[in-house]
Amino acid sequence: DLESEWQKEGFCSTLPLIPRSQQFIEDLRSLDVHVLFVTSPPRNNKTW
C-alpha cells in the first residue's frame, strides 16, 4: 500500500540521501554556478 503510504504527512522528511550526494552538490557549487533544486510535488500530499 505504498500509494497511500508515500502521501502521508512526514513521509518526505524521512527519505535518505543518496551516498556522496552532499559532496556532489558542493562540487557543483565550486564551479561558481547557482545550484537550484527542481522537483515535482505529488498531487495528493499537501505537506510534501
ModelCIF file with pLDDT and N, C-alpha, C, O atoms, coordinates in Angstrom:
data_MODEL
#
_entry.id   MODEL 
#
_entity.id                         1 
_entity.type                       polymer 
_entity.pdbx_number_of_molecules   1 
#
_entity_poly.entity_id                      1 
_entity_poly.type                           'polypeptide(L)' 
_entity_poly.nstd_linkage                   no 
_entity_poly.nstd_monomer                   no 
_entity_poly.pdbx_seq_one_letter_code       DLESEWQKEGFCSTLPLIPRSQQFIEDLRSLDVHVLFVTSPPRNNKTW 
_entity_poly.pdbx_seq_one_letter_code_can   DLESEWQKEGFCSTLPLIPRSQQFIEDLRSLDVHVLFVTSPPRNNKTW 
_entity_poly.pdbx_strand_id                 A 
#
loop_
_entity_poly_seq.entity_id 
_entity_poly_seq.num 
_entity_poly_seq.mon_id 
_entity_poly_seq.hetero 
1 1  ASP n 
1 2  LEU n 
1 3  GLU n 
1 4  SER n 
1 5  GLU n 
1 6  TRP n 
1 7  GLN n 
1 8  LYS n 
1 9  GLU n 
1 10 GLY n 
1 11 PHE n 
1 12 CYS n 
1 13 SER n 
1 14 THR n 
1 15 LEU n 
1 16 PRO n 
1 17 LEU n 
1 18 ILE n 
1 19 PRO n 
1 20 ARG n 
1 21 SER n 
1 22 GLN n 
1 23 GLN n 
1 24 PHE n 
1 25 ILE n 
1 26 GLU n 
1 27 ASP n 
1 28 LEU n 
1 29 ARG n 
1 30 SER n 
1 31 LEU n 
1 32 ASP n 
1 33 VAL n 
1 34 HIS n 
1 35 VAL n 
1 36 LEU n 
1 37 PHE n 
1 38 VAL n 
1 39 THR n 
1 40 SER n 
1 41 PRO n 
1 42 PRO n 
1 43 ARG n 
1 44 ASN n 
1 45 ASN n 
1 46 LYS n 
1 47 THR n 
1 48 TRP n 
#
_struct_asym.id          A 
_struct_asym.entity_id   1 
#
loop_
_ma_qa_metric.id 
_ma_qa_metric.mode 
_ma_qa_metric.name 
_ma_qa_metric.software_group_id 
_ma_qa_metric.type 
1 global pLDDT . pLDDT 
2 local  pLDDT . pLDDT 
#
_ma_qa_metric_global.metric_id      1 
_ma_qa_metric_global.metric_value   93.60 
_ma_qa_metric_global.model_id       1 
_ma_qa_metric_global.ordinal_id     1 
#
loop_
_ma_qa_metric_local.label_asym_id 
_ma_qa_metric_local.label_comp_id 
_ma_qa_metric_local.label_seq_id 
_ma_qa_metric_local.metric_id 
_ma_qa_metric_local.metric_value 
_ma_qa_metric_local.model_id 
_ma_qa_metric_local.ordinal_id 
A ASP 1  2 95.00 1 1  
A LEU 2  2 94.00 1 2  
A GLU 3  2 90.00 1 3  
A SER 4  2 91.00 1 4  
A GLU 5  2 91.00 1 5  
A TRP 6  2 89.00 1 6  
A GLN 7  2 87.00 1 7  
A LYS 8  2 90.00 1 8  
A GLU 9  2 92.00 1 9  
A GLY 10 2 94.00 1 10 
A PHE 11 2 93.00 1 11 
A CYS 12 2 94.00 1 12 
A SER 13 2 95.00 1 13 
A THR 14 2 95.00 1 14 
A LEU 15 2 97.00 1 15 
A PRO 16 2 97.00 1 16 
A LEU 17 2 98.00 1 17 
A ILE 18 2 98.00 1 18 
A PRO 19 2 97.00 1 19 
A ARG 20 2 98.00 1 20 
A SER 21 2 98.00 1 21 
A GLN 22 2 98.00 1 22 
A GLN 23 2 98.00 1 23 
A PHE 24 2 98.00 1 24 
A ILE 25 2 98.00 1 25 
A GLU 26 2 98.00 1 26 
A ASP 27 2 98.00 1 27 
A LEU 28 2 97.00 1 28 
A ARG 29 2 96.00 1 29 
A SER 30 2 96.00 1 30 
A LEU 31 2 95.00 1 31 
A ASP 32 2 92.00 1 32 
A VAL 33 2 93.00 1 33 
A HIS 34 2 95.00 1 34 
A VAL 35 2 97.00 1 35 
A LEU 36 2 98.00 1 36 
A PHE 37 2 98.00 1 37 
A VAL 38 2 98.00 1 38 
A THR 39 2 96.00 1 39 
A SER 40 2 92.00 1 40 
A PRO 41 2 86.00 1 41 
A PRO 42 2 84.00 1 42 
A ARG 43 2 81.00 1 43 
A ASN 44 2 81.00 1 44 
A ASN 45 2 86.00 1 45 
A LYS 46 2 86.00 1 46 
A THR 47 2 92.00 1 47 
A TRP 48 2 93.00 1 48 
#
loop_
_atom_site.group_PDB 
_atom_site.id 
_atom_site.type_symbol 
_atom_site.label_atom_id 
_atom_site.label_alt_id 
_atom_site.label_comp_id 
_atom_site.label_asym_id 
_atom_site.label_entity_id 
_atom_site.label_seq_id 
_atom_site.pdbx_PDB_ins_code 
_atom_site.Cartn_x 
_atom_site.Cartn_y 
_atom_site.Cartn_z 
_atom_site.occupancy 
_atom_site.B_iso_or_equiv 
_atom_site.pdbx_formal_charge 
_atom_site.auth_seq_id 
_atom_site.auth_comp_id 
_atom_site.auth_asym_id 
_atom_site.auth_atom_id 
_atom_site.pdbx_PDB_model_num 
ATOM 1   N N  . ASP A 1 1  ? 0.822  -1.213 0.000   1.00 95.00 ? 1  ASP A N  1 
ATOM 2   C CA . ASP A 1 1  ? 0.000  0.000  0.000   1.00 95.00 ? 1  ASP A CA 1 
ATOM 3   C C  . ASP A 1 1  ? 0.857  1.265  0.000   1.00 95.00 ? 1  ASP A C  1 
ATOM 4   O O  . ASP A 1 1  ? 0.606  2.208  0.751   1.00 95.00 ? 1  ASP A O  1 
ATOM 5   N N  . LEU A 1 2  ? 1.873  1.259  -0.860  1.00 94.00 ? 2  LEU A N  1 
ATOM 6   C CA . LEU A 1 2  ? 2.788  2.401  -0.920  1.00 94.00 ? 2  LEU A CA 1 
ATOM 7   C C  . LEU A 1 2  ? 2.134  3.644  -1.505  1.00 94.00 ? 2  LEU A C  1 
ATOM 8   O O  . LEU A 1 2  ? 2.558  4.761  -1.206  1.00 94.00 ? 2  LEU A O  1 
ATOM 9   N N  . GLU A 1 3  ? 1.111  3.470  -2.331  1.00 90.00 ? 3  GLU A N  1 
ATOM 10  C CA . GLU A 1 3  ? 0.435  4.640  -2.900  1.00 90.00 ? 3  GLU A CA 1 
ATOM 11  C C  . GLU A 1 3  ? -0.164 5.497  -1.801  1.00 90.00 ? 3  GLU A C  1 
ATOM 12  O O  . GLU A 1 3  ? -0.195 6.724  -1.897  1.00 90.00 ? 3  GLU A O  1 
ATOM 13  N N  . SER A 1 4  ? -0.637 4.837  -0.758  1.00 91.00 ? 4  SER A N  1 
ATOM 14  C CA . SER A 1 4  ? -1.180 5.561  0.396   1.00 91.00 ? 4  SER A CA 1 
ATOM 15  C C  . SER A 1 4  ? -0.074 6.031  1.315   1.00 91.00 ? 4  SER A C  1 
ATOM 16  O O  . SER A 1 4  ? -0.130 7.138  1.849   1.00 91.00 ? 4  SER A O  1 
ATOM 17  N N  . GLU A 1 5  ? 0.931  5.191  1.501   1.00 91.00 ? 5  GLU A N  1 
ATOM 18  C CA . GLU A 1 5  ? 1.990  5.476  2.472   1.00 91.00 ? 5  GLU A CA 1 
ATOM 19  C C  . GLU A 1 5  ? 2.798  6.709  2.090   1.00 91.00 ? 5  GLU A C  1 
ATOM 20  O O  . GLU A 1 5  ? 3.084  7.546  2.946   1.00 91.00 ? 5  GLU A O  1 
ATOM 21  N N  . TRP A 1 6  ? 3.175  6.835  0.804   1.00 89.00 ? 6  TRP A N  1 
ATOM 22  C CA . TRP A 1 6  ? 4.089  7.916  0.435   1.00 89.00 ? 6  TRP A CA 1 
ATOM 23  C C  . TRP A 1 6  ? 3.395  9.274  0.372   1.00 89.00 ? 6  TRP A C  1 
ATOM 24  O O  . TRP A 1 6  ? 4.042  10.309 0.211   1.00 89.00 ? 6  TRP A O  1 
ATOM 25  N N  . GLN A 1 7  ? 2.071  9.254  0.499   1.00 87.00 ? 7  GLN A N  1 
ATOM 26  C CA . GLN A 1 7  ? 1.346  10.515 0.508   1.00 87.00 ? 7  GLN A CA 1 
ATOM 27  C C  . GLN A 1 7  ? 0.984  10.974 1.920   1.00 87.00 ? 7  GLN A C  1 
ATOM 28  O O  . GLN A 1 7  ? 0.290  11.975 2.098   1.00 87.00 ? 7  GLN A O  1 
ATOM 29  N N  . LYS A 1 8  ? 1.463  10.233 2.919   1.00 90.00 ? 8  LYS A N  1 
ATOM 30  C CA . LYS A 1 8  ? 1.185  10.610 4.296   1.00 90.00 ? 8  LYS A CA 1 
ATOM 31  C C  . LYS A 1 8  ? 2.107  11.737 4.758   1.00 90.00 ? 8  LYS A C  1 
ATOM 32  O O  . LYS A 1 8  ? 3.236  11.871 4.285   1.00 90.00 ? 8  LYS A O  1 
ATOM 33  N N  . GLU A 1 9  ? 1.606  12.534 5.682   1.00 92.00 ? 9  GLU A N  1 
ATOM 34  C CA . GLU A 1 9  ? 2.420  13.589 6.281   1.00 92.00 ? 9  GLU A CA 1 
ATOM 35  C C  . GLU A 1 9  ? 3.639  12.968 6.964   1.00 92.00 ? 9  GLU A C  1 
ATOM 36  O O  . GLU A 1 9  ? 3.511  11.989 7.699   1.00 92.00 ? 9  GLU A O  1 
ATOM 37  N N  . GLY A 1 10 ? 4.800  13.528 6.725   1.00 94.00 ? 10 GLY A N  1 
ATOM 38  C CA . GLY A 1 10 ? 6.022  13.061 7.350   1.00 94.00 ? 10 GLY A CA 1 
ATOM 39  C C  . GLY A 1 10 ? 6.850  12.110 6.512   1.00 94.00 ? 10 GLY A C  1 
ATOM 40  O O  . GLY A 1 10 ? 8.018  11.871 6.821   1.00 94.00 ? 10 GLY A O  1 
ATOM 41  N N  . PHE A 1 11 ? 6.263  11.556 5.445   1.00 93.00 ? 11 PHE A N  1 
ATOM 42  C CA . PHE A 1 11 ? 6.996  10.579 4.628   1.00 93.00 ? 11 PHE A CA 1 
ATOM 43  C C  . PHE A 1 11 ? 8.224  11.204 3.977   1.00 93.00 ? 11 PHE A C  1 
ATOM 44  O O  . PHE A 1 11 ? 9.309  10.623 4.008   1.00 93.00 ? 11 PHE A O  1 
ATOM 45  N N  . CYS A 1 12 ? 8.057  12.374 3.394   1.00 94.00 ? 12 CYS A N  1 
ATOM 46  C CA . CYS A 1 12 ? 9.158  13.026 2.691   1.00 94.00 ? 12 CYS A CA 1 
ATOM 47  C C  . CYS A 1 12 ? 10.316 13.353 3.627   1.00 94.00 ? 12 CYS A C  1 
ATOM 48  O O  . CYS A 1 12 ? 11.478 13.299 3.227   1.00 94.00 ? 12 CYS A O  1 
ATOM 49  N N  . SER A 1 13 ? 10.000 13.688 4.862   1.00 95.00 ? 13 SER A N  1 
ATOM 50  C CA . SER A 1 13 ? 11.035 14.070 5.819   1.00 95.00 ? 13 SER A CA 1 
ATOM 51  C C  . SER A 1 13 ? 11.961 12.919 6.179   1.00 95.00 ? 13 SER A C  1 
ATOM 52  O O  . SER A 1 13 ? 13.091 13.144 6.611   1.00 95.00 ? 13 SER A O  1 
ATOM 53  N N  . THR A 1 14 ? 11.489 11.681 6.004   1.00 95.00 ? 14 THR A N  1 
ATOM 54  C CA . THR A 1 14 ? 12.269 10.509 6.413   1.00 95.00 ? 14 THR A CA 1 
ATOM 55  C C  . THR A 1 14 ? 13.124 9.937  5.285   1.00 95.00 ? 14 THR A C  1 
ATOM 56  O O  . THR A 1 14 ? 13.843 8.962  5.503   1.00 95.00 ? 14 THR A O  1 
ATOM 57  N N  . LEU A 1 15 ? 13.066 10.509 4.104   1.00 97.00 ? 15 LEU A N  1 
ATOM 58  C CA . LEU A 1 15 ? 13.784 9.947  2.963   1.00 97.00 ? 15 LEU A CA 1 
ATOM 59  C C  . LEU A 1 15 ? 15.299 10.077 3.130   1.00 97.00 ? 15 LEU A C  1 
ATOM 60  O O  . LEU A 1 15 ? 15.784 11.102 3.607   1.00 97.00 ? 15 LEU A O  1 
ATOM 61  N N  . PRO A 1 16 ? 16.050 9.037  2.736   1.00 97.00 ? 16 PRO A N  1 
ATOM 62  C CA . PRO A 1 16 ? 17.504 9.064  2.906   1.00 97.00 ? 16 PRO A CA 1 
ATOM 63  C C  . PRO A 1 16 ? 18.219 9.743  1.739   1.00 97.00 ? 16 PRO A C  1 
ATOM 64  O O  . PRO A 1 16 ? 17.680 9.861  0.639   1.00 97.00 ? 16 PRO A O  1 
ATOM 65  N N  . LEU A 1 17 ? 19.418 10.174 2.003   1.00 98.00 ? 17 LEU A N  1 
ATOM 66  C CA . LEU A 1 17 ? 20.291 10.712 0.965   1.00 98.00 ? 17 LEU A CA 1 
ATOM 67  C C  . LEU A 1 17 ? 20.855 9.591  0.107   1.00 98.00 ? 17 LEU A C  1 
ATOM 68  O O  . LEU A 1 17 ? 21.016 8.461  0.570   1.00 98.00 ? 17 LEU A O  1 
ATOM 69  N N  . ILE A 1 18 ? 21.149 9.908  -1.131  1.00 98.00 ? 18 ILE A N  1 
ATOM 70  C CA . ILE A 1 18 ? 21.978 9.027  -1.942  1.00 98.00 ? 18 ILE A CA 1 
ATOM 71  C C  . ILE A 1 18 ? 23.424 9.275  -1.525  1.00 98.00 ? 18 ILE A C  1 
ATOM 72  O O  . ILE A 1 18 ? 23.842 10.429 -1.432  1.00 98.00 ? 18 ILE A O  1 
ATOM 73  N N  . PRO A 1 19 ? 24.195 8.220  -1.274  1.00 97.00 ? 19 PRO A N  1 
ATOM 74  C CA . PRO A 1 19 ? 25.584 8.399  -0.828  1.00 97.00 ? 19 PRO A CA 1 
ATOM 75  C C  . PRO A 1 19 ? 26.375 9.345  -1.732  1.00 97.00 ? 19 PRO A C  1 
ATOM 76  O O  . PRO A 1 19 ? 26.289 9.264  -2.958  1.00 97.00 ? 19 PRO A O  1 
ATOM 77  N N  . ARG A 1 20 ? 27.134 10.230 -1.122  1.00 98.00 ? 20 ARG A N  1 
ATOM 78  C CA . ARG A 1 20 ? 28.015 11.202 -1.762  1.00 98.00 ? 20 ARG A CA 1 
ATOM 79  C C  . ARG A 1 20 ? 27.264 12.373 -2.406  1.00 98.00 ? 20 ARG A C  1 
ATOM 80  O O  . ARG A 1 20 ? 27.876 13.216 -3.061  1.00 98.00 ? 20 ARG A O  1 
ATOM 81  N N  . SER A 1 21 ? 25.959 12.426 -2.225  1.00 98.00 ? 21 SER A N  1 
ATOM 82  C CA . SER A 1 21 ? 25.207 13.500 -2.872  1.00 98.00 ? 21 SER A CA 1 
ATOM 83  C C  . SER A 1 21 ? 25.527 14.872 -2.294  1.00 98.00 ? 21 SER A C  1 
ATOM 84  O O  . SER A 1 21 ? 25.493 15.866 -3.020  1.00 98.00 ? 21 SER A O  1 
ATOM 85  N N  . GLN A 1 22 ? 25.835 14.947 -1.013  1.00 98.00 ? 22 GLN A N  1 
ATOM 86  C CA . GLN A 1 22 ? 26.176 16.246 -0.434  1.00 98.00 ? 22 GLN A CA 1 
ATOM 87  C C  . GLN A 1 22 ? 27.487 16.779 -1.010  1.00 98.00 ? 22 GLN A C  1 
ATOM 88  O O  . GLN A 1 22 ? 27.598 17.968 -1.312  1.00 98.00 ? 22 GLN A O  1 
ATOM 89  N N  . GLN A 1 23 ? 28.471 15.905 -1.160  1.00 98.00 ? 23 GLN A N  1 
ATOM 90  C CA . GLN A 1 23 ? 29.735 16.325 -1.768  1.00 98.00 ? 23 GLN A CA 1 
ATOM 91  C C  . GLN A 1 23 ? 29.518 16.706 -3.227  1.00 98.00 ? 23 GLN A C  1 
ATOM 92  O O  . GLN A 1 23 ? 30.151 17.631 -3.735  1.00 98.00 ? 23 GLN A O  1 
ATOM 93  N N  . PHE A 1 24 ? 28.628 15.993 -3.892  1.00 98.00 ? 24 PHE A N  1 
ATOM 94  C CA . PHE A 1 24 ? 28.296 16.295 -5.282  1.00 98.00 ? 24 PHE A CA 1 
ATOM 95  C C  . PHE A 1 24 ? 27.777 17.721 -5.434  1.00 98.00 ? 24 PHE A C  1 
ATOM 96  O O  . PHE A 1 24 ? 28.206 18.454 -6.326  1.00 98.00 ? 24 PHE A O  1 
ATOM 97  N N  . ILE A 1 25 ? 26.862 18.103 -4.568  1.00 98.00 ? 25 ILE A N  1 
ATOM 98  C CA . ILE A 1 25 ? 26.315 19.465 -4.642  1.00 98.00 ? 25 ILE A CA 1 
ATOM 99  C C  . ILE A 1 25 ? 27.387 20.493 -4.327  1.00 98.00 ? 25 ILE A C  1 
ATOM 100 O O  . ILE A 1 25 ? 27.425 21.552 -4.955  1.00 98.00 ? 25 ILE A O  1 
ATOM 101 N N  . GLU A 1 26 ? 28.251 20.208 -3.378  1.00 98.00 ? 26 GLU A N  1 
ATOM 102 C CA . GLU A 1 26 ? 29.353 21.123 -3.080  1.00 98.00 ? 26 GLU A CA 1 
ATOM 103 C C  . GLU A 1 26 ? 30.301 21.244 -4.273  1.00 98.00 ? 26 GLU A C  1 
ATOM 104 O O  . GLU A 1 26 ? 30.813 22.327 -4.557  1.00 98.00 ? 26 GLU A O  1 
ATOM 105 N N  . ASP A 1 27 ? 30.530 20.137 -4.964  1.00 98.00 ? 27 ASP A N  1 
ATOM 106 C CA . ASP A 1 27 ? 31.396 20.171 -6.147  1.00 98.00 ? 27 ASP A CA 1 
ATOM 107 C C  . ASP A 1 27 ? 30.774 21.023 -7.253  1.00 98.00 ? 27 ASP A C  1 
ATOM 108 O O  . ASP A 1 27 ? 31.484 21.744 -7.954  1.00 98.00 ? 27 ASP A O  1 
ATOM 109 N N  . LEU A 1 28 ? 29.460 20.942 -7.411  1.00 97.00 ? 28 LEU A N  1 
ATOM 110 C CA . LEU A 1 28 ? 28.789 21.793 -8.400  1.00 97.00 ? 28 LEU A CA 1 
ATOM 111 C C  . LEU A 1 28 ? 28.902 23.263 -8.011  1.00 97.00 ? 28 LEU A C  1 
ATOM 112 O O  . LEU A 1 28 ? 29.192 24.116 -8.851  1.00 97.00 ? 28 LEU A O  1 
ATOM 113 N N  . ARG A 1 29 ? 28.676 23.546 -6.760  1.00 96.00 ? 29 ARG A N  1 
ATOM 114 C CA . ARG A 1 29 ? 28.762 24.929 -6.292  1.00 96.00 ? 29 ARG A CA 1 
ATOM 115 C C  . ARG A 1 29 ? 30.165 25.497 -6.464  1.00 96.00 ? 29 ARG A C  1 
ATOM 116 O O  . ARG A 1 29 ? 30.334 26.699 -6.673  1.00 96.00 ? 29 ARG A O  1 
ATOM 117 N N  . SER A 1 30 ? 31.170 24.629 -6.376  1.00 96.00 ? 30 SER A N  1 
ATOM 118 C CA . SER A 1 30 ? 32.549 25.088 -6.522  1.00 96.00 ? 30 SER A CA 1 
ATOM 119 C C  . SER A 1 30 ? 32.856 25.538 -7.944  1.00 96.00 ? 30 SER A C  1 
ATOM 120 O O  . SER A 1 30 ? 33.887 26.163 -8.191  1.00 96.00 ? 30 SER A O  1 
ATOM 121 N N  . LEU A 1 31 ? 31.957 25.220 -8.886  1.00 95.00 ? 31 LEU A N  1 
ATOM 122 C CA . LEU A 1 31 ? 32.126 25.666 -10.272 1.00 95.00 ? 31 LEU A CA 1 
ATOM 123 C C  . LEU A 1 31 ? 31.665 27.102 -10.465 1.00 95.00 ? 31 LEU A C  1 
ATOM 124 O O  . LEU A 1 31 ? 31.684 27.634 -11.575 1.00 95.00 ? 31 LEU A O  1 
ATOM 125 N N  . ASP A 1 32 ? 31.251 27.720 -9.364  1.00 92.00 ? 32 ASP A N  1 
ATOM 126 C CA . ASP A 1 32 ? 30.812 29.118 -9.379  1.00 92.00 ? 32 ASP A CA 1 
ATOM 127 C C  . ASP A 1 32 ? 29.519 29.293 -10.170 1.00 92.00 ? 32 ASP A C  1 
ATOM 128 O O  . ASP A 1 32 ? 29.359 30.249 -10.928 1.00 92.00 ? 32 ASP A O  1 
ATOM 129 N N  . VAL A 1 33 ? 28.610 28.355 -9.978  1.00 93.00 ? 33 VAL A N  1 
ATOM 130 C CA . VAL A 1 33 ? 27.277 28.453 -10.575 1.00 93.00 ? 33 VAL A CA 1 
ATOM 131 C C  . VAL A 1 33 ? 26.237 28.353 -9.471  1.00 93.00 ? 33 VAL A C  1 
ATOM 132 O O  . VAL A 1 33 ? 26.500 27.807 -8.400  1.00 93.00 ? 33 VAL A O  1 
ATOM 133 N N  . HIS A 1 34 ? 25.061 28.884 -9.744  1.00 95.00 ? 34 HIS A N  1 
ATOM 134 C CA . HIS A 1 34 ? 23.931 28.701 -8.831  1.00 95.00 ? 34 HIS A CA 1 
ATOM 135 C C  . HIS A 1 34 ? 23.374 27.294 -9.030  1.00 95.00 ? 34 HIS A C  1 
ATOM 136 O O  . HIS A 1 34 ? 23.172 26.851 -10.161 1.00 95.00 ? 34 HIS A O  1 
ATOM 137 N N  . VAL A 1 35 ? 23.131 26.606 -7.936  1.00 97.00 ? 35 VAL A N  1 
ATOM 138 C CA . VAL A 1 35 ? 22.501 25.294 -7.990  1.00 97.00 ? 35 VAL A CA 1 
ATOM 139 C C  . VAL A 1 35 ? 21.071 25.445 -7.483  1.00 97.00 ? 35 VAL A C  1 
ATOM 140 O O  . VAL A 1 35 ? 20.844 25.836 -6.338  1.00 97.00 ? 35 VAL A O  1 
ATOM 141 N N  . LEU A 1 36 ? 20.117 25.131 -8.342  1.00 98.00 ? 36 LEU A N  1 
ATOM 142 C CA . LEU A 1 36 ? 18.707 25.172 -7.966  1.00 98.00 ? 36 LEU A CA 1 
ATOM 143 C C  . LEU A 1 36 ? 18.141 23.762 -8.005  1.00 98.00 ? 36 LEU A C  1 
ATOM 144 O O  . LEU A 1 36 ? 18.414 23.002 -8.935  1.00 98.00 ? 36 LEU A O  1 
ATOM 145 N N  . PHE A 1 37 ? 17.361 23.417 -7.005  1.00 98.00 ? 37 PHE A N  1 
ATOM 146 C CA . PHE A 1 37 ? 16.683 22.122 -6.998  1.00 98.00 ? 37 PHE A CA 1 
ATOM 147 C C  . PHE A 1 37 ? 15.315 22.284 -7.646  1.00 98.00 ? 37 PHE A C  1 
ATOM 148 O O  . PHE A 1 37 ? 14.542 23.172 -7.286  1.00 98.00 ? 37 PHE A O  1 
ATOM 149 N N  . VAL A 1 38 ? 15.033 21.413 -8.604  1.00 98.00 ? 38 VAL A N  1 
ATOM 150 C CA . VAL A 1 38 ? 13.757 21.452 -9.322  1.00 98.00 ? 38 VAL A CA 1 
ATOM 151 C C  . VAL A 1 38 ? 13.078 20.104 -9.116  1.00 98.00 ? 38 VAL A C  1 
ATOM 152 O O  . VAL A 1 38 ? 13.585 19.074 -9.560  1.00 98.00 ? 38 VAL A O  1 
ATOM 153 N N  . THR A 1 39 ? 11.952 20.111 -8.454  1.00 96.00 ? 39 THR A N  1 
ATOM 154 C CA . THR A 1 39 ? 11.299 18.865 -8.072  1.00 96.00 ? 39 THR A CA 1 
ATOM 155 C C  . THR A 1 39 ? 9.800  18.951 -8.288  1.00 96.00 ? 39 THR A C  1 
ATOM 156 O O  . THR A 1 39 ? 9.210  20.027 -8.192  1.00 96.00 ? 39 THR A O  1 
ATOM 157 N N  . SER A 1 40 ? 9.193  17.823 -8.578  1.00 92.00 ? 40 SER A N  1 
ATOM 158 C CA . SER A 1 40 ? 7.759  17.774 -8.855  1.00 92.00 ? 40 SER A CA 1 
ATOM 159 C C  . SER A 1 40 ? 7.016  17.237 -7.639  1.00 92.00 ? 40 SER A C  1 
ATOM 160 O O  . SER A 1 40 ? 7.258  16.102 -7.230  1.00 92.00 ? 40 SER A O  1 
ATOM 161 N N  . PRO A 1 41 ? 6.119  18.021 -7.052  1.00 86.00 ? 41 PRO A N  1 
ATOM 162 C CA . PRO A 1 41 ? 5.414  17.571 -5.853  1.00 86.00 ? 41 PRO A CA 1 
ATOM 163 C C  . PRO A 1 41 ? 4.272  16.616 -6.206  1.00 86.00 ? 41 PRO A C  1 
ATOM 164 O O  . PRO A 1 41 ? 3.632  16.780 -7.244  1.00 86.00 ? 41 PRO A O  1 
ATOM 165 N N  . PRO A 1 42 ? 4.013  15.626 -5.356  1.00 84.00 ? 42 PRO A N  1 
ATOM 166 C CA . PRO A 1 42 ? 2.879  14.730 -5.606  1.00 84.00 ? 42 PRO A CA 1 
ATOM 167 C C  . PRO A 1 42 ? 1.558  15.477 -5.469  1.00 84.00 ? 42 PRO A C  1 
ATOM 168 O O  . PRO A 1 42 ? 1.450  16.440 -4.710  1.00 84.00 ? 42 PRO A O  1 
ATOM 169 N N  . ARG A 1 43 ? 0.573  15.026 -6.203  1.00 81.00 ? 43 ARG A N  1 
ATOM 170 C CA . ARG A 1 43 ? -0.707 15.735 -6.246  1.00 81.00 ? 43 ARG A CA 1 
ATOM 171 C C  . ARG A 1 43 ? -1.459 15.679 -4.918  1.00 81.00 ? 43 ARG A C  1 
ATOM 172 O O  . ARG A 1 43 ? -2.106 16.652 -4.534  1.00 81.00 ? 43 ARG A O  1 
ATOM 173 N N  . ASN A 1 44 ? -1.379 14.544 -4.212  1.00 81.00 ? 44 ASN A N  1 
ATOM 174 C CA . ASN A 1 44 ? -2.254 14.330 -3.058  1.00 81.00 ? 44 ASN A CA 1 
ATOM 175 C C  . ASN A 1 44 ? -1.553 14.418 -1.706  1.00 81.00 ? 44 ASN A C  1 
ATOM 176 O O  . ASN A 1 44 ? -2.104 13.977 -0.697  1.00 81.00 ? 44 ASN A O  1 
ATOM 177 N N  . ASN A 1 45 ? -0.342 14.984 -1.671  1.00 86.00 ? 45 ASN A N  1 
ATOM 178 C CA . ASN A 1 45 ? 0.353  15.165 -0.407  1.00 86.00 ? 45 ASN A CA 1 
ATOM 179 C C  . ASN A 1 45 ? 0.553  16.656 -0.176  1.00 86.00 ? 45 ASN A C  1 
ATOM 180 O O  . ASN A 1 45 ? 1.467  17.264 -0.733  1.00 86.00 ? 45 ASN A O  1 
ATOM 181 N N  . LYS A 1 46 ? -0.301 17.233 0.643   1.00 86.00 ? 46 LYS A N  1 
ATOM 182 C CA . LYS A 1 46 ? -0.303 18.673 0.830   1.00 86.00 ? 46 LYS A CA 1 
ATOM 183 C C  . LYS A 1 46 ? 0.914  19.175 1.609   1.00 86.00 ? 46 LYS A C  1 
ATOM 184 O O  . LYS A 1 46 ? 1.272  20.348 1.500   1.00 86.00 ? 46 LYS A O  1 
ATOM 185 N N  . THR A 1 47 ? 1.551  18.308 2.390   1.00 92.00 ? 47 THR A N  1 
ATOM 186 C CA . THR A 1 47 ? 2.688  18.753 3.202   1.00 92.00 ? 47 THR A CA 1 
ATOM 187 C C  . THR A 1 47 ? 4.027  18.526 2.514   1.00 92.00 ? 47 THR A C  1 
ATOM 188 O O  . THR A 1 47 ? 5.061  18.965 3.018   1.00 92.00 ? 47 THR A O  1 
ATOM 189 N N  . TRP A 1 48 ? 4.023  17.839 1.360   1.00 93.00 ? 48 TRP A N  1 
ATOM 190 C CA . TRP A 1 48 ? 5.273  17.481 0.689   1.00 93.00 ? 48 TRP A CA 1 
ATOM 191 C C  . TRP A 1 48 ? 6.157  18.691 0.368   1.00 93.00 ? 48 TRP A C  1 
ATOM 192 O O  . TRP A 1 48 ? 7.240  18.533 -0.196  1.00 93.00 ? 48 TRP A O  1 
#
